[in-house]
Every structure is written in C-alpha cells, then in structure tokens.
Amino acid sequence: MTLNENIKQLRLARNLSQVDLANALGVTKQSVSNWENNNIQPSIDMLIRLATFFSVSTDYILGLNHRKYIEISELTDCQLAHVSAIIDDIRAAGK
C-alpha cells in the first residue's frame, strides 16, 4: 500500500473522520484530505506525528513494512502478561 492509502486505512480502522484526525494532529481537514488523495505528502515532522498517533512505525506508513506496535513501556509486568494473553487468544481465534 502507498502512503496515502495507509493514512486512510489507519484512520478508518479507528473510525475517525478526516476532521477527527485533523483535530488530533492540529492540522486542517484539507491537509488530511490532501494526504489521502495523494495531492500532497505530510512533512517529516507530521509523518512522525502520524506514526506516533497510530502506534505504527514511519516505515509502516510509508509502506516499507507491515509491522505495528503497541506502546507498553508504562505497563506493569502483570498488565503486560494480560495483554500478551489477549493477543494470543486473538491469534488463536484467527487460525
């Protein structure tokens, strides 16, 4: 997928409108629309902000890999064990 497709897909996966995403990032709806329609590309700074907002790498947004991540650094070991168990259950249900 391309940059513009990835931004749109990530936005839709979170059930966000273009206005919602624009507000979260402090830009206009027009900016989001232009990114998604491949009229302009986000700046490097905005690319980093998009990646942080969606919990993916900049490489993911750029279409260079398909890895996603979840920020877990503030979780306790017990909480992390619960998250891991949920992920294992979801993976097992998909088989």
N, C-alpha and C. Protein backbone atom coordinates (compact mmCIF):
# COMPACT_ATOMS: atom_id res chain seq x y z
N MET A 1 0.84 -1.18 0.00
CA MET A 1 0.00 0.00 0.00
C MET A 1 0.89 1.25 0.00
N THR A 2 0.34 2.33 -0.46
CA THR A 2 1.08 3.58 -0.53
C THR A 2 0.80 4.45 0.69
N LEU A 3 1.58 5.51 0.83
CA LEU A 3 1.45 6.42 1.96
C LEU A 3 0.01 6.91 2.11
N ASN A 4 -0.56 7.41 1.03
CA ASN A 4 -1.92 7.95 1.14
C ASN A 4 -2.94 6.87 1.51
N GLU A 5 -2.78 5.68 0.96
CA GLU A 5 -3.70 4.58 1.30
C GLU A 5 -3.53 4.16 2.76
N ASN A 6 -2.30 4.14 3.24
CA ASN A 6 -2.05 3.74 4.62
C ASN A 6 -2.64 4.74 5.62
N ILE A 7 -2.51 6.03 5.33
CA ILE A 7 -3.09 7.03 6.23
C ILE A 7 -4.61 6.84 6.29
N LYS A 8 -5.23 6.67 5.15
CA LYS A 8 -6.69 6.50 5.12
C LYS A 8 -7.10 5.21 5.83
N GLN A 9 -6.39 4.12 5.56
CA GLN A 9 -6.72 2.84 6.19
C GLN A 9 -6.59 2.91 7.69
N LEU A 10 -5.52 3.53 8.18
CA LEU A 10 -5.32 3.67 9.63
C LEU A 10 -6.42 4.54 10.24
N ARG A 11 -6.80 5.60 9.56
CA ARG A 11 -7.85 6.48 10.05
C ARG A 11 -9.19 5.74 10.14
N LEU A 12 -9.52 5.03 9.06
CA LEU A 12 -10.80 4.31 9.03
C LEU A 12 -10.84 3.18 10.05
N ALA A 13 -9.70 2.53 10.28
CA ALA A 13 -9.64 1.44 11.25
C ALA A 13 -9.97 1.94 12.66
N ARG A 14 -9.73 3.20 12.90
CA ARG A 14 -10.06 3.80 14.21
C ARG A 14 -11.40 4.51 14.20
N ASN A 15 -12.14 4.37 13.11
CA ASN A 15 -13.44 5.02 12.97
C ASN A 15 -13.35 6.54 13.16
N LEU A 16 -12.31 7.12 12.60
CA LEU A 16 -12.12 8.57 12.68
C LEU A 16 -12.50 9.22 11.36
N SER A 17 -13.12 10.38 11.45
CA SER A 17 -13.36 11.18 10.24
C SER A 17 -12.07 11.94 9.93
N GLN A 18 -12.02 12.53 8.76
CA GLN A 18 -10.87 13.37 8.43
C GLN A 18 -10.77 14.53 9.41
N VAL A 19 -11.90 15.06 9.82
CA VAL A 19 -11.93 16.16 10.79
C VAL A 19 -11.37 15.69 12.14
N ASP A 20 -11.76 14.50 12.57
CA ASP A 20 -11.26 13.96 13.84
C ASP A 20 -9.74 13.85 13.83
N LEU A 21 -9.22 13.28 12.73
CA LEU A 21 -7.76 13.12 12.63
C LEU A 21 -7.08 14.48 12.57
N ALA A 22 -7.64 15.38 11.80
CA ALA A 22 -7.07 16.72 11.70
C ALA A 22 -7.00 17.39 13.07
N ASN A 23 -8.08 17.29 13.83
CA ASN A 23 -8.11 17.89 15.17
C ASN A 23 -7.08 17.25 16.09
N ALA A 24 -6.93 15.94 16.01
CA ALA A 24 -5.96 15.24 16.86
C ALA A 24 -4.53 15.65 16.54
N LEU A 25 -4.28 15.99 15.28
CA LEU A 25 -2.92 16.33 14.85
C LEU A 25 -2.68 17.84 14.78
N GLY A 26 -3.73 18.62 14.97
CA GLY A 26 -3.59 20.07 14.93
C GLY A 26 -3.40 20.62 13.52
N VAL A 27 -4.04 19.97 12.54
CA VAL A 27 -3.99 20.43 11.16
C VAL A 27 -5.42 20.61 10.66
N THR A 28 -5.56 21.04 9.43
CA THR A 28 -6.90 21.21 8.86
C THR A 28 -7.39 19.92 8.24
N LYS A 29 -8.69 19.82 8.08
CA LYS A 29 -9.30 18.69 7.37
C LYS A 29 -8.77 18.64 5.95
N GLN A 30 -8.53 19.80 5.36
CA GLN A 30 -7.99 19.89 4.00
C GLN A 30 -6.63 19.19 3.90
N SER A 31 -5.80 19.33 4.93
CA SER A 31 -4.49 18.66 4.92
C SER A 31 -4.67 17.15 4.88
N VAL A 32 -5.54 16.63 5.74
CA VAL A 32 -5.78 15.19 5.78
C VAL A 32 -6.33 14.72 4.43
N SER A 33 -7.28 15.46 3.89
CA SER A 33 -7.85 15.12 2.59
C SER A 33 -6.78 15.11 1.51
N ASN A 34 -5.90 16.10 1.52
CA ASN A 34 -4.82 16.15 0.53
C ASN A 34 -3.85 14.99 0.66
N TRP A 35 -3.54 14.58 1.89
CA TRP A 35 -2.67 13.42 2.08
C TRP A 35 -3.33 12.17 1.51
N GLU A 36 -4.60 11.97 1.86
CA GLU A 36 -5.30 10.76 1.45
C GLU A 36 -5.56 10.72 -0.05
N ASN A 37 -5.67 11.86 -0.69
CA ASN A 37 -5.90 11.90 -2.14
C ASN A 37 -4.60 12.03 -2.92
N ASN A 38 -3.48 11.93 -2.21
CA ASN A 38 -2.15 11.96 -2.80
C ASN A 38 -1.87 13.28 -3.53
N ASN A 39 -2.48 14.37 -3.06
CA ASN A 39 -2.21 15.68 -3.62
C ASN A 39 -0.94 16.28 -3.04
N ILE A 40 -0.73 16.05 -1.76
CA ILE A 40 0.50 16.47 -1.07
C ILE A 40 0.88 15.36 -0.10
N GLN A 41 2.12 15.41 0.35
CA GLN A 41 2.57 14.45 1.34
C GLN A 41 2.85 15.18 2.65
N PRO A 42 2.62 14.50 3.76
CA PRO A 42 2.90 15.14 5.05
C PRO A 42 4.39 15.42 5.20
N SER A 43 4.71 16.44 5.97
CA SER A 43 6.12 16.74 6.26
C SER A 43 6.72 15.59 7.08
N ILE A 44 8.02 15.60 7.19
CA ILE A 44 8.69 14.57 8.00
C ILE A 44 8.20 14.64 9.44
N ASP A 45 8.08 15.85 9.97
CA ASP A 45 7.58 16.02 11.34
C ASP A 45 6.17 15.43 11.46
N MET A 46 5.31 15.72 10.48
CA MET A 46 3.94 15.21 10.53
C MET A 46 3.91 13.70 10.35
N LEU A 47 4.80 13.17 9.55
CA LEU A 47 4.89 11.72 9.37
C LEU A 47 5.19 11.05 10.71
N ILE A 48 6.09 11.64 11.47
CA ILE A 48 6.42 11.11 12.80
C ILE A 48 5.21 11.22 13.73
N ARG A 49 4.50 12.35 13.66
CA ARG A 49 3.30 12.52 14.49
C ARG A 49 2.21 11.52 14.12
N LEU A 50 2.05 11.26 12.82
CA LEU A 50 1.08 10.26 12.37
C LEU A 50 1.45 8.87 12.90
N ALA A 51 2.72 8.53 12.79
CA ALA A 51 3.18 7.22 13.26
C ALA A 51 2.94 7.07 14.76
N THR A 52 3.24 8.10 15.51
CA THR A 52 3.03 8.06 16.95
C THR A 52 1.55 7.95 17.27
N PHE A 53 0.73 8.74 16.61
CA PHE A 53 -0.71 8.73 16.85
C PHE A 53 -1.31 7.35 16.58
N PHE A 54 -0.89 6.72 15.48
CA PHE A 54 -1.46 5.43 15.09
C PHE A 54 -0.69 4.23 15.66
N SER A 55 0.35 4.47 16.43
CA SER A 55 1.17 3.40 17.02
C SER A 55 1.73 2.46 15.95
N VAL A 56 2.28 3.05 14.91
CA VAL A 56 2.97 2.30 13.87
C VAL A 56 4.30 3.00 13.60
N SER A 57 5.17 2.35 12.86
CA SER A 57 6.44 2.98 12.50
C SER A 57 6.25 3.88 11.29
N THR A 58 7.18 4.78 11.09
CA THR A 58 7.13 5.60 9.87
C THR A 58 7.29 4.70 8.64
N ASP A 59 8.07 3.64 8.76
CA ASP A 59 8.20 2.69 7.65
C ASP A 59 6.85 2.07 7.31
N TYR A 60 6.05 1.79 8.31
CA TYR A 60 4.72 1.23 8.06
C TYR A 60 3.87 2.22 7.26
N ILE A 61 3.82 3.46 7.70
CA ILE A 61 3.01 4.46 7.00
C ILE A 61 3.51 4.64 5.56
N LEU A 62 4.83 4.59 5.39
CA LEU A 62 5.40 4.76 4.05
C LEU A 62 5.22 3.52 3.17
N GLY A 63 4.76 2.43 3.77
CA GLY A 63 4.55 1.20 3.00
C GLY A 63 5.79 0.35 2.85
N LEU A 64 6.80 0.59 3.70
CA LEU A 64 8.05 -0.16 3.61
C LEU A 64 8.04 -1.46 4.41
N ASN A 65 7.17 -1.55 5.39
CA ASN A 65 6.98 -2.80 6.13
C ASN A 65 5.57 -2.82 6.70
N HIS A 66 5.19 -3.94 7.27
CA HIS A 66 3.82 -4.09 7.77
C HIS A 66 3.77 -4.32 9.27
N ARG A 67 4.84 -3.99 9.98
CA ARG A 67 4.87 -4.18 11.43
C ARG A 67 4.10 -3.07 12.12
N LYS A 68 3.35 -3.45 13.14
CA LYS A 68 2.65 -2.50 14.00
C LYS A 68 3.15 -2.73 15.42
N TYR A 69 2.98 -1.74 16.27
CA TYR A 69 3.39 -1.93 17.65
C TYR A 69 2.38 -1.30 18.59
N ILE A 70 2.46 -1.73 19.82
CA ILE A 70 1.63 -1.17 20.88
C ILE A 70 2.59 -0.65 21.94
N GLU A 71 2.38 0.57 22.37
CA GLU A 71 3.23 1.16 23.41
C GLU A 71 2.90 0.51 24.75
N ILE A 72 3.90 -0.17 25.32
CA ILE A 72 3.68 -0.92 26.55
C ILE A 72 4.63 -0.51 27.67
N SER A 73 5.44 0.51 27.42
CA SER A 73 6.50 0.83 28.37
C SER A 73 5.99 1.23 29.75
N GLU A 74 4.76 1.71 29.85
CA GLU A 74 4.24 2.11 31.16
C GLU A 74 3.40 1.04 31.83
N LEU A 75 3.31 -0.14 31.22
CA LEU A 75 2.53 -1.22 31.82
C LEU A 75 3.37 -1.99 32.83
N THR A 76 2.71 -2.51 33.84
CA THR A 76 3.40 -3.38 34.79
C THR A 76 3.58 -4.75 34.15
N ASP A 77 4.39 -5.58 34.74
CA ASP A 77 4.60 -6.93 34.23
C ASP A 77 3.28 -7.71 34.21
N CYS A 78 2.47 -7.51 35.22
CA CYS A 78 1.18 -8.19 35.29
C CYS A 78 0.26 -7.72 34.15
N GLN A 79 0.22 -6.42 33.92
CA GLN A 79 -0.60 -5.89 32.83
C GLN A 79 -0.10 -6.39 31.48
N LEU A 80 1.21 -6.43 31.32
CA LEU A 80 1.80 -6.92 30.08
C LEU A 80 1.43 -8.38 29.84
N ALA A 81 1.40 -9.17 30.90
CA ALA A 81 1.00 -10.58 30.77
C ALA A 81 -0.44 -10.69 30.29
N HIS A 82 -1.31 -9.82 30.78
CA HIS A 82 -2.71 -9.82 30.35
C HIS A 82 -2.82 -9.45 28.87
N VAL A 83 -2.10 -8.42 28.46
CA VAL A 83 -2.11 -8.01 27.05
C VAL A 83 -1.60 -9.14 26.17
N SER A 84 -0.53 -9.78 26.58
CA SER A 84 0.02 -10.90 25.81
C SER A 84 -0.98 -12.04 25.69
N ALA A 85 -1.70 -12.32 26.76
CA ALA A 85 -2.71 -13.39 26.72
C ALA A 85 -3.84 -13.04 25.75
N ILE A 86 -4.26 -11.78 25.76
CA ILE A 86 -5.32 -11.35 24.84
C ILE A 86 -4.83 -11.49 23.39
N ILE A 87 -3.61 -11.08 23.11
CA ILE A 87 -3.06 -11.21 21.76
C ILE A 87 -2.99 -12.68 21.34
N ASP A 88 -2.55 -13.53 22.25
CA ASP A 88 -2.50 -14.96 21.96
C ASP A 88 -3.89 -15.51 21.65
N ASP A 89 -4.91 -15.10 22.41
CA ASP A 89 -6.29 -15.54 22.17
C ASP A 89 -6.78 -15.07 20.79
N ILE A 90 -6.49 -13.85 20.44
CA ILE A 90 -6.92 -13.31 19.15
C ILE A 90 -6.24 -14.07 18.01
N ARG A 91 -4.95 -14.32 18.15
CA ARG A 91 -4.24 -15.08 17.11
C ARG A 91 -4.79 -16.50 16.99
N ALA A 92 -5.07 -17.12 18.12
CA ALA A 92 -5.60 -18.49 18.10
C ALA A 92 -7.00 -18.55 17.46
N ALA A 93 -7.80 -17.52 17.71
CA ALA A 93 -9.16 -17.49 17.15
C ALA A 93 -9.12 -17.29 15.64
N GLY A 94 -8.05 -16.68 15.14
CA GLY A 94 -7.93 -16.43 13.71
C GLY A 94 -7.43 -17.62 12.91
N LYS A 95 -7.03 -18.67 13.58
CA LYS A 95 -6.48 -19.86 12.88
C LYS A 95 -7.56 -20.80 12.43
